[in-house]
Amino acid sequence: MNLKRSFSPVIEENSEVLVLGSMPGEASLRQQQYYGHPQNLFWEILLECEGYEANTLDYADKLALLKNKKVALWDVLEYCERPGSLDSSIVTETEQANDLITLLRQYRNIRKICFNGKKSYQSFHRHVLRDNTDFFQTYKLVTLPSTSPANASIPRTVKYQQWVTEVWNLPRV
């Protein structure tokens, strides 16, 4: 069995945006770091938006940038069976969702939830939203193009613009 388990959330009291992936890929799991694959655009877009060269900050510094941008990270799924890294390989019947409602009740500044790709939103809809639609009425839900290197059909410029608009360049109070 290829059971994969997600990481703990990266979140602060002042977080306003929650970015949800589906499940960390193999490179991320090996490194025990969100978006650890070298071709994943997640960190690259943030660094470029903030004026840094790619790969110039270590993981702790990237997490500090997240904190400054008031962005939190987690995954929709707590665990699932998946051979390899592709979301399309997740065995749907084995999906177990993280307790997102408890997290959101604890961190009340979050008003926007951005999904890193279609699979994270599909899993969220199936396991969380479907039975809790009233709870999520006060949240803005946005599905963004996956930053995964497996999502090569969408040009980098399109991904960059959508991520910058929805996540990184939000006006902050």
N, C-alpha and C. Protein backbone atom coordinates (compact mmCIF):
# COMPACT_ATOMS: atom_id res chain seq x y z
N MET A 1 0.84 -1.19 0.00
CA MET A 1 0.00 0.00 0.00
C MET A 1 0.88 1.24 0.00
N ASN A 2 0.52 2.22 -0.80
CA ASN A 2 1.26 3.48 -0.92
C ASN A 2 0.54 4.59 -0.18
N LEU A 3 0.36 4.41 1.13
CA LEU A 3 -0.37 5.39 1.94
C LEU A 3 0.52 6.61 2.18
N LYS A 4 -0.01 7.77 1.82
CA LYS A 4 0.70 9.03 2.01
C LYS A 4 -0.04 9.84 3.07
N ARG A 5 0.73 10.59 3.85
CA ARG A 5 0.14 11.42 4.92
C ARG A 5 0.63 12.86 4.73
N SER A 6 -0.29 13.80 4.90
CA SER A 6 0.06 15.21 4.71
C SER A 6 0.80 15.76 5.92
N PHE A 7 1.26 16.99 5.77
CA PHE A 7 1.98 17.69 6.83
C PHE A 7 1.01 18.43 7.74
N SER A 8 1.53 18.93 8.82
CA SER A 8 0.77 19.84 9.68
C SER A 8 0.59 21.15 8.94
N PRO A 9 -0.44 21.91 9.28
CA PRO A 9 -0.63 23.20 8.61
C PRO A 9 0.47 24.19 8.97
N VAL A 10 0.76 25.06 8.04
CA VAL A 10 1.64 26.21 8.27
C VAL A 10 0.68 27.39 8.35
N ILE A 11 0.50 27.93 9.56
CA ILE A 11 -0.54 28.94 9.77
C ILE A 11 -0.18 29.81 10.96
N GLU A 12 -0.61 31.05 10.89
CA GLU A 12 -0.38 32.02 11.96
C GLU A 12 -1.72 32.63 12.36
N GLU A 13 -1.78 33.22 13.53
CA GLU A 13 -3.01 33.86 14.00
C GLU A 13 -3.54 34.90 13.02
N ASN A 14 -2.64 35.61 12.33
CA ASN A 14 -3.07 36.68 11.44
C ASN A 14 -3.26 36.22 9.99
N SER A 15 -3.19 34.93 9.72
CA SER A 15 -3.37 34.44 8.35
C SER A 15 -4.75 34.82 7.84
N GLU A 16 -4.79 35.29 6.59
CA GLU A 16 -6.04 35.70 5.95
C GLU A 16 -6.44 34.83 4.77
N VAL A 17 -5.45 34.19 4.16
CA VAL A 17 -5.68 33.32 3.00
C VAL A 17 -5.15 31.94 3.33
N LEU A 18 -5.92 30.92 3.02
CA LEU A 18 -5.50 29.53 3.20
C LEU A 18 -5.35 28.91 1.83
N VAL A 19 -4.14 28.45 1.50
CA VAL A 19 -3.89 27.74 0.25
C VAL A 19 -3.92 26.24 0.58
N LEU A 20 -4.79 25.53 -0.14
CA LEU A 20 -4.93 24.09 0.07
C LEU A 20 -4.47 23.31 -1.15
N GLY A 21 -3.52 22.43 -0.93
CA GLY A 21 -3.15 21.46 -1.95
C GLY A 21 -3.97 20.20 -1.73
N SER A 22 -3.70 19.18 -2.50
CA SER A 22 -4.40 17.91 -2.32
C SER A 22 -3.61 17.04 -1.34
N MET A 23 -2.39 16.67 -1.72
CA MET A 23 -1.49 15.81 -0.94
C MET A 23 -0.07 16.08 -1.43
N PRO A 24 0.91 16.20 -0.53
CA PRO A 24 2.28 16.44 -0.99
C PRO A 24 2.78 15.33 -1.91
N GLY A 25 3.56 15.73 -2.91
CA GLY A 25 4.19 14.77 -3.82
C GLY A 25 5.40 14.12 -3.18
N GLU A 26 5.99 13.20 -3.90
CA GLU A 26 7.13 12.43 -3.39
C GLU A 26 8.31 13.31 -2.98
N ALA A 27 8.66 14.30 -3.80
CA ALA A 27 9.79 15.17 -3.46
C ALA A 27 9.50 15.95 -2.18
N SER A 28 8.29 16.43 -2.02
CA SER A 28 7.91 17.16 -0.81
C SER A 28 7.94 16.25 0.41
N LEU A 29 7.43 15.04 0.25
CA LEU A 29 7.43 14.09 1.37
C LEU A 29 8.85 13.74 1.80
N ARG A 30 9.74 13.54 0.82
CA ARG A 30 11.14 13.24 1.16
C ARG A 30 11.79 14.38 1.93
N GLN A 31 11.52 15.61 1.50
CA GLN A 31 12.12 16.78 2.12
C GLN A 31 11.37 17.26 3.35
N GLN A 32 10.14 16.75 3.52
CA GLN A 32 9.25 17.23 4.59
C GLN A 32 9.05 18.74 4.49
N GLN A 33 8.78 19.18 3.25
CA GLN A 33 8.57 20.59 2.96
C GLN A 33 7.45 20.73 1.93
N TYR A 34 6.57 21.68 2.17
CA TYR A 34 5.55 21.98 1.18
C TYR A 34 6.19 22.40 -0.14
N TYR A 35 5.65 21.90 -1.23
CA TYR A 35 6.06 22.26 -2.59
C TYR A 35 7.56 22.11 -2.79
N GLY A 36 8.05 20.91 -2.46
CA GLY A 36 9.48 20.63 -2.50
C GLY A 36 10.05 20.24 -3.85
N HIS A 37 9.21 19.93 -4.82
CA HIS A 37 9.72 19.56 -6.15
C HIS A 37 10.38 20.79 -6.77
N PRO A 38 11.59 20.65 -7.31
CA PRO A 38 12.30 21.82 -7.83
C PRO A 38 11.60 22.54 -8.98
N GLN A 39 10.72 21.85 -9.71
CA GLN A 39 10.01 22.50 -10.81
C GLN A 39 8.62 23.00 -10.41
N ASN A 40 8.24 22.80 -9.15
CA ASN A 40 6.94 23.33 -8.71
C ASN A 40 7.06 24.85 -8.65
N LEU A 41 6.08 25.54 -9.18
CA LEU A 41 6.15 27.00 -9.29
C LEU A 41 5.67 27.74 -8.04
N PHE A 42 5.17 27.05 -7.03
CA PHE A 42 4.60 27.72 -5.87
C PHE A 42 5.57 28.74 -5.26
N TRP A 43 6.74 28.29 -4.85
CA TRP A 43 7.70 29.19 -4.19
C TRP A 43 8.29 30.17 -5.21
N GLU A 44 8.52 29.70 -6.43
CA GLU A 44 9.11 30.56 -7.46
C GLU A 44 8.24 31.80 -7.71
N ILE A 45 6.92 31.60 -7.79
CA ILE A 45 6.03 32.74 -8.01
C ILE A 45 6.07 33.71 -6.83
N LEU A 46 6.03 33.17 -5.62
CA LEU A 46 6.11 34.04 -4.44
C LEU A 46 7.42 34.82 -4.43
N LEU A 47 8.54 34.14 -4.65
CA LEU A 47 9.84 34.80 -4.62
C LEU A 47 9.94 35.87 -5.69
N GLU A 48 9.47 35.56 -6.90
CA GLU A 48 9.51 36.54 -7.98
C GLU A 48 8.65 37.75 -7.65
N CYS A 49 7.49 37.50 -7.10
CA CYS A 49 6.57 38.57 -6.70
C CYS A 49 7.21 39.49 -5.66
N GLU A 50 8.04 38.92 -4.81
CA GLU A 50 8.69 39.69 -3.74
C GLU A 50 10.07 40.21 -4.12
N GLY A 51 10.49 39.97 -5.38
CA GLY A 51 11.74 40.52 -5.86
C GLY A 51 12.97 39.68 -5.58
N TYR A 52 12.79 38.41 -5.25
CA TYR A 52 13.92 37.52 -4.99
C TYR A 52 14.23 36.68 -6.23
N GLU A 53 15.47 36.31 -6.38
CA GLU A 53 15.85 35.33 -7.40
C GLU A 53 15.36 33.96 -6.98
N ALA A 54 15.07 33.10 -7.95
CA ALA A 54 14.64 31.74 -7.65
C ALA A 54 15.72 31.01 -6.84
N ASN A 55 15.30 30.21 -5.91
CA ASN A 55 16.20 29.36 -5.10
C ASN A 55 17.20 30.16 -4.27
N THR A 56 16.85 31.36 -3.86
CA THR A 56 17.79 32.15 -3.06
C THR A 56 17.47 32.11 -1.57
N LEU A 57 16.31 31.59 -1.22
CA LEU A 57 15.93 31.51 0.19
C LEU A 57 15.79 30.06 0.62
N ASP A 58 16.15 29.80 1.87
CA ASP A 58 15.93 28.44 2.38
C ASP A 58 14.46 28.31 2.81
N TYR A 59 14.08 27.11 3.19
CA TYR A 59 12.67 26.83 3.49
C TYR A 59 12.16 27.70 4.64
N ALA A 60 12.95 27.88 5.68
CA ALA A 60 12.52 28.70 6.82
C ALA A 60 12.25 30.14 6.39
N ASP A 61 13.06 30.68 5.50
CA ASP A 61 12.85 32.03 5.00
C ASP A 61 11.61 32.12 4.12
N LYS A 62 11.36 31.08 3.34
CA LYS A 62 10.14 31.05 2.53
C LYS A 62 8.90 31.04 3.44
N LEU A 63 8.96 30.27 4.51
CA LEU A 63 7.85 30.24 5.46
C LEU A 63 7.66 31.60 6.12
N ALA A 64 8.75 32.30 6.37
CA ALA A 64 8.65 33.66 6.94
C ALA A 64 7.97 34.61 5.95
N LEU A 65 8.25 34.45 4.66
CA LEU A 65 7.56 35.25 3.64
C LEU A 65 6.06 34.97 3.67
N LEU A 66 5.70 33.71 3.81
CA LEU A 66 4.28 33.35 3.91
C LEU A 66 3.63 34.10 5.06
N LYS A 67 4.30 34.07 6.20
CA LYS A 67 3.77 34.74 7.39
C LYS A 67 3.57 36.23 7.11
N ASN A 68 4.54 36.86 6.48
CA ASN A 68 4.43 38.28 6.15
C ASN A 68 3.29 38.57 5.18
N LYS A 69 3.02 37.63 4.29
CA LYS A 69 1.93 37.79 3.31
C LYS A 69 0.59 37.34 3.89
N LYS A 70 0.58 36.85 5.13
CA LYS A 70 -0.63 36.39 5.81
C LYS A 70 -1.30 35.23 5.07
N VAL A 71 -0.44 34.34 4.54
CA VAL A 71 -0.90 33.17 3.80
C VAL A 71 -0.56 31.91 4.59
N ALA A 72 -1.54 31.01 4.69
CA ALA A 72 -1.37 29.73 5.38
C ALA A 72 -1.39 28.61 4.34
N LEU A 73 -0.78 27.48 4.69
CA LEU A 73 -0.74 26.30 3.82
C LEU A 73 -1.25 25.08 4.55
N TRP A 74 -1.96 24.25 3.83
CA TRP A 74 -2.32 22.91 4.31
C TRP A 74 -2.76 22.11 3.11
N ASP A 75 -3.18 20.90 3.35
CA ASP A 75 -3.71 20.03 2.31
C ASP A 75 -5.12 19.62 2.66
N VAL A 76 -5.93 19.42 1.66
CA VAL A 76 -7.29 18.95 1.90
C VAL A 76 -7.26 17.56 2.52
N LEU A 77 -6.39 16.71 2.01
CA LEU A 77 -6.35 15.33 2.47
C LEU A 77 -5.34 15.13 3.59
N GLU A 78 -5.78 14.44 4.63
CA GLU A 78 -4.87 14.04 5.70
C GLU A 78 -4.03 12.86 5.25
N TYR A 79 -4.69 11.91 4.60
CA TYR A 79 -3.96 10.78 4.03
C TYR A 79 -4.77 10.16 2.90
N CYS A 80 -4.05 9.41 2.08
CA CYS A 80 -4.67 8.69 0.97
C CYS A 80 -3.65 7.68 0.43
N GLU A 81 -4.14 6.78 -0.36
CA GLU A 81 -3.25 5.86 -1.07
C GLU A 81 -2.97 6.48 -2.44
N ARG A 82 -1.68 6.54 -2.77
CA ARG A 82 -1.29 7.10 -4.06
C ARG A 82 0.09 6.60 -4.43
N PRO A 83 0.17 5.80 -5.49
CA PRO A 83 1.49 5.46 -6.00
C PRO A 83 2.07 6.65 -6.75
N GLY A 84 3.25 7.09 -6.41
CA GLY A 84 3.86 8.23 -7.08
C GLY A 84 3.33 9.55 -6.58
N SER A 85 3.42 10.57 -7.43
CA SER A 85 3.08 11.94 -7.04
C SER A 85 1.85 12.52 -7.71
N LEU A 86 1.38 11.90 -8.75
CA LEU A 86 0.29 12.50 -9.52
C LEU A 86 -1.04 12.45 -8.78
N ASP A 87 -1.75 13.58 -8.79
CA ASP A 87 -3.09 13.62 -8.18
C ASP A 87 -4.02 12.62 -8.83
N SER A 88 -3.84 12.38 -10.12
CA SER A 88 -4.70 11.44 -10.83
C SER A 88 -4.50 10.00 -10.35
N SER A 89 -3.42 9.74 -9.60
CA SER A 89 -3.16 8.40 -9.07
C SER A 89 -3.73 8.19 -7.67
N ILE A 90 -4.32 9.22 -7.08
CA ILE A 90 -4.92 9.07 -5.75
C ILE A 90 -6.09 8.11 -5.84
N VAL A 91 -6.10 7.12 -4.95
CA VAL A 91 -7.20 6.17 -4.89
C VAL A 91 -8.32 6.83 -4.09
N THR A 92 -9.36 7.24 -4.79
CA THR A 92 -10.44 8.04 -4.19
C THR A 92 -11.01 7.40 -2.93
N GLU A 93 -11.19 6.10 -2.94
CA GLU A 93 -11.82 5.41 -1.81
C GLU A 93 -10.97 5.47 -0.54
N THR A 94 -9.69 5.83 -0.67
CA THR A 94 -8.81 5.88 0.50
C THR A 94 -8.63 7.29 1.05
N GLU A 95 -9.25 8.27 0.41
CA GLU A 95 -9.09 9.66 0.84
C GLU A 95 -9.72 9.91 2.21
N GLN A 96 -8.94 10.52 3.08
CA GLN A 96 -9.43 10.99 4.37
C GLN A 96 -9.05 12.46 4.50
N ALA A 97 -10.05 13.31 4.70
CA ALA A 97 -9.81 14.75 4.74
C ALA A 97 -9.26 15.21 6.08
N ASN A 98 -8.46 16.26 6.02
CA ASN A 98 -8.05 16.96 7.23
C ASN A 98 -9.27 17.68 7.81
N ASP A 99 -9.18 18.02 9.09
CA ASP A 99 -10.29 18.69 9.78
C ASP A 99 -10.21 20.20 9.53
N LEU A 100 -10.64 20.59 8.36
CA LEU A 100 -10.56 21.99 7.95
C LEU A 100 -11.50 22.88 8.74
N ILE A 101 -12.63 22.38 9.11
CA ILE A 101 -13.59 23.22 9.85
C ILE A 101 -13.03 23.60 11.21
N THR A 102 -12.43 22.67 11.92
CA THR A 102 -11.82 22.99 13.21
C THR A 102 -10.70 24.02 13.03
N LEU A 103 -9.89 23.85 12.00
CA LEU A 103 -8.81 24.81 11.74
C LEU A 103 -9.38 26.20 11.49
N LEU A 104 -10.41 26.29 10.66
CA LEU A 104 -10.98 27.60 10.32
C LEU A 104 -11.71 28.23 11.51
N ARG A 105 -12.26 27.43 12.37
CA ARG A 105 -12.88 27.99 13.59
C ARG A 105 -11.82 28.57 14.52
N GLN A 106 -10.64 27.98 14.49
CA GLN A 106 -9.55 28.46 15.34
C GLN A 106 -8.90 29.71 14.76
N TYR A 107 -8.79 29.78 13.43
CA TYR A 107 -8.11 30.91 12.77
C TYR A 107 -9.16 31.72 12.02
N ARG A 108 -9.78 32.62 12.73
CA ARG A 108 -10.96 33.33 12.22
C ARG A 108 -10.65 34.48 11.27
N ASN A 109 -9.37 34.81 11.09
CA ASN A 109 -9.02 35.86 10.13
C ASN A 109 -9.04 35.37 8.69
N ILE A 110 -9.04 34.08 8.50
CA ILE A 110 -9.06 33.54 7.13
C ILE A 110 -10.43 33.79 6.52
N ARG A 111 -10.42 34.42 5.36
CA ARG A 111 -11.67 34.72 4.65
C ARG A 111 -11.65 34.18 3.23
N LYS A 112 -10.49 33.73 2.80
CA LYS A 112 -10.35 33.25 1.43
C LYS A 112 -9.60 31.93 1.44
N ILE A 113 -10.12 30.98 0.67
CA ILE A 113 -9.47 29.67 0.53
C ILE A 113 -9.16 29.47 -0.94
N CYS A 114 -7.87 29.29 -1.24
CA CYS A 114 -7.42 29.06 -2.61
C CYS A 114 -6.96 27.62 -2.76
N PHE A 115 -7.43 26.98 -3.80
CA PHE A 115 -7.10 25.58 -4.06
C PHE A 115 -6.01 25.51 -5.11
N ASN A 116 -4.94 24.80 -4.78
CA ASN A 116 -3.83 24.63 -5.71
C ASN A 116 -4.17 23.48 -6.65
N GLY A 117 -4.98 23.78 -7.63
CA GLY A 117 -5.37 22.79 -8.63
C GLY A 117 -6.76 22.22 -8.41
N LYS A 118 -7.25 21.58 -9.45
CA LYS A 118 -8.61 21.04 -9.45
C LYS A 118 -8.80 19.90 -8.46
N LYS A 119 -7.80 19.04 -8.32
CA LYS A 119 -7.95 17.89 -7.43
C LYS A 119 -8.18 18.33 -5.99
N SER A 120 -7.48 19.36 -5.55
CA SER A 120 -7.69 19.80 -4.16
C SER A 120 -9.12 20.31 -3.98
N TYR A 121 -9.64 21.04 -4.97
CA TYR A 121 -11.02 21.49 -4.84
C TYR A 121 -12.00 20.32 -4.91
N GLN A 122 -11.77 19.38 -5.80
CA GLN A 122 -12.66 18.21 -5.91
C GLN A 122 -12.71 17.43 -4.60
N SER A 123 -11.57 17.22 -3.98
CA SER A 123 -11.53 16.50 -2.69
C SER A 123 -12.21 17.32 -1.60
N PHE A 124 -11.98 18.63 -1.60
CA PHE A 124 -12.63 19.51 -0.64
C PHE A 124 -14.15 19.43 -0.81
N HIS A 125 -14.60 19.51 -2.03
CA HIS A 125 -16.04 19.46 -2.30
C HIS A 125 -16.62 18.13 -1.82
N ARG A 126 -15.95 17.05 -2.14
CA ARG A 126 -16.45 15.71 -1.81
C ARG A 126 -16.46 15.46 -0.30
N HIS A 127 -15.42 15.86 0.40
CA HIS A 127 -15.26 15.46 1.80
C HIS A 127 -15.63 16.55 2.82
N VAL A 128 -15.65 17.81 2.40
CA VAL A 128 -15.83 18.89 3.37
C VAL A 128 -17.03 19.77 3.01
N LEU A 129 -17.01 20.35 1.84
CA LEU A 129 -18.03 21.34 1.46
C LEU A 129 -19.44 20.74 1.37
N ARG A 130 -19.54 19.58 0.79
CA ARG A 130 -20.86 18.98 0.53
C ARG A 130 -21.75 18.93 1.77
N ASP A 131 -21.19 18.61 2.91
CA ASP A 131 -21.97 18.50 4.14
C ASP A 131 -21.90 19.76 5.01
N ASN A 132 -21.23 20.80 4.53
CA ASN A 132 -21.03 22.01 5.34
C ASN A 132 -21.17 23.28 4.51
N THR A 133 -22.10 23.31 3.58
CA THR A 133 -22.21 24.47 2.69
C THR A 133 -22.51 25.75 3.46
N ASP A 134 -23.31 25.69 4.50
CA ASP A 134 -23.61 26.90 5.28
C ASP A 134 -22.35 27.48 5.92
N PHE A 135 -21.50 26.61 6.45
CA PHE A 135 -20.27 27.06 7.11
C PHE A 135 -19.39 27.86 6.15
N PHE A 136 -19.33 27.45 4.89
CA PHE A 136 -18.41 28.07 3.94
C PHE A 136 -19.00 29.24 3.17
N GLN A 137 -20.21 29.66 3.50
CA GLN A 137 -20.82 30.79 2.79
C GLN A 137 -20.07 32.10 2.99
N THR A 138 -19.36 32.24 4.09
CA THR A 138 -18.64 33.48 4.36
C THR A 138 -17.22 33.50 3.78
N TYR A 139 -16.83 32.41 3.13
CA TYR A 139 -15.48 32.31 2.57
C TYR A 139 -15.53 32.49 1.06
N LYS A 140 -14.51 33.13 0.53
CA LYS A 140 -14.34 33.16 -0.92
C LYS A 140 -13.51 31.94 -1.29
N LEU A 141 -14.03 31.10 -2.16
CA LEU A 141 -13.35 29.89 -2.60
C LEU A 141 -12.86 30.09 -4.03
N VAL A 142 -11.56 29.88 -4.25
CA VAL A 142 -10.95 30.13 -5.56
C VAL A 142 -10.11 28.93 -5.95
N THR A 143 -10.40 28.36 -7.12
CA THR A 143 -9.56 27.28 -7.64
C THR A 143 -8.55 27.89 -8.61
N LEU A 144 -7.28 27.68 -8.31
CA LEU A 144 -6.19 28.20 -9.12
C LEU A 144 -5.54 27.08 -9.92
N PRO A 145 -4.83 27.41 -11.00
CA PRO A 145 -4.12 26.36 -11.73
C PRO A 145 -3.03 25.77 -10.85
N SER A 146 -2.92 24.48 -10.89
CA SER A 146 -1.90 23.80 -10.08
C SER A 146 -0.51 24.30 -10.43
N THR A 147 0.31 24.49 -9.41
CA THR A 147 1.71 24.90 -9.62
C THR A 147 2.61 23.71 -9.88
N SER A 148 2.05 22.52 -9.89
CA SER A 148 2.81 21.30 -10.11
C SER A 148 3.42 21.26 -11.51
N PRO A 149 4.62 20.69 -11.64
CA PRO A 149 5.21 20.54 -12.98
C PRO A 149 4.38 19.61 -13.87
N ALA A 150 3.54 18.77 -13.27
CA ALA A 150 2.68 17.89 -14.07
C ALA A 150 1.59 18.68 -14.79
N ASN A 151 1.34 19.90 -14.37
CA ASN A 151 0.31 20.75 -14.99
C ASN A 151 0.96 21.65 -16.03
N ALA A 152 1.46 21.03 -17.10
CA ALA A 152 2.20 21.77 -18.12
C ALA A 152 1.31 22.36 -19.20
N SER A 153 0.03 22.05 -19.19
CA SER A 153 -0.85 22.54 -20.25
C SER A 153 -1.20 24.02 -20.09
N ILE A 154 -1.03 24.55 -18.89
CA ILE A 154 -1.32 25.97 -18.65
C ILE A 154 0.02 26.72 -18.64
N PRO A 155 0.15 27.75 -19.46
CA PRO A 155 1.42 28.49 -19.52
C PRO A 155 1.79 29.11 -18.16
N ARG A 156 3.08 29.19 -17.91
CA ARG A 156 3.59 29.76 -16.66
C ARG A 156 3.06 31.17 -16.45
N THR A 157 2.98 31.96 -17.50
CA THR A 157 2.53 33.34 -17.37
C THR A 157 1.09 33.41 -16.86
N VAL A 158 0.27 32.49 -17.30
CA VAL A 158 -1.13 32.44 -16.85
C VAL A 158 -1.18 32.05 -15.38
N LYS A 159 -0.41 31.02 -15.02
CA LYS A 159 -0.35 30.61 -13.61
C LYS A 159 0.13 31.77 -12.74
N TYR A 160 1.22 32.40 -13.18
CA TYR A 160 1.80 33.50 -12.42
C TYR A 160 0.76 34.60 -12.17
N GLN A 161 0.08 35.03 -13.22
CA GLN A 161 -0.87 36.13 -13.09
C GLN A 161 -2.00 35.77 -12.14
N GLN A 162 -2.53 34.56 -12.24
CA GLN A 162 -3.65 34.16 -11.38
C GLN A 162 -3.21 34.04 -9.93
N TRP A 163 -2.04 33.47 -9.69
CA TRP A 163 -1.54 33.33 -8.32
C TRP A 163 -1.22 34.70 -7.71
N VAL A 164 -0.60 35.55 -8.47
CA VAL A 164 -0.27 36.89 -7.96
C VAL A 164 -1.56 37.64 -7.62
N THR A 165 -2.52 37.58 -8.52
CA THR A 165 -3.78 38.29 -8.32
C THR A 165 -4.55 37.77 -7.10
N GLU A 166 -4.66 36.47 -6.97
CA GLU A 166 -5.51 35.88 -5.95
C GLU A 166 -4.83 35.67 -4.60
N VAL A 167 -3.51 35.50 -4.59
CA VAL A 167 -2.83 35.14 -3.34
C VAL A 167 -1.79 36.15 -2.90
N TRP A 168 -0.84 36.47 -3.76
CA TRP A 168 0.34 37.18 -3.29
C TRP A 168 0.22 38.69 -3.22
N ASN A 169 -0.52 39.29 -4.10
CA ASN A 169 -0.58 40.75 -4.11
C ASN A 169 -1.88 41.31 -3.55
N LEU A 170 -2.49 40.59 -2.64
CA LEU A 170 -3.72 41.09 -2.05
C LEU A 170 -3.43 42.27 -1.14
N PRO A 171 -4.28 43.28 -1.19
CA PRO A 171 -4.08 44.38 -0.22
C PRO A 171 -4.30 43.86 1.20
N ARG A 172 -3.43 44.22 2.08
CA ARG A 172 -3.52 43.76 3.46
C ARG A 172 -3.86 44.93 4.38
N VAL A 173 -4.66 44.67 5.38
CA VAL A 173 -5.04 45.70 6.35
C VAL A 173 -3.96 45.83 7.40
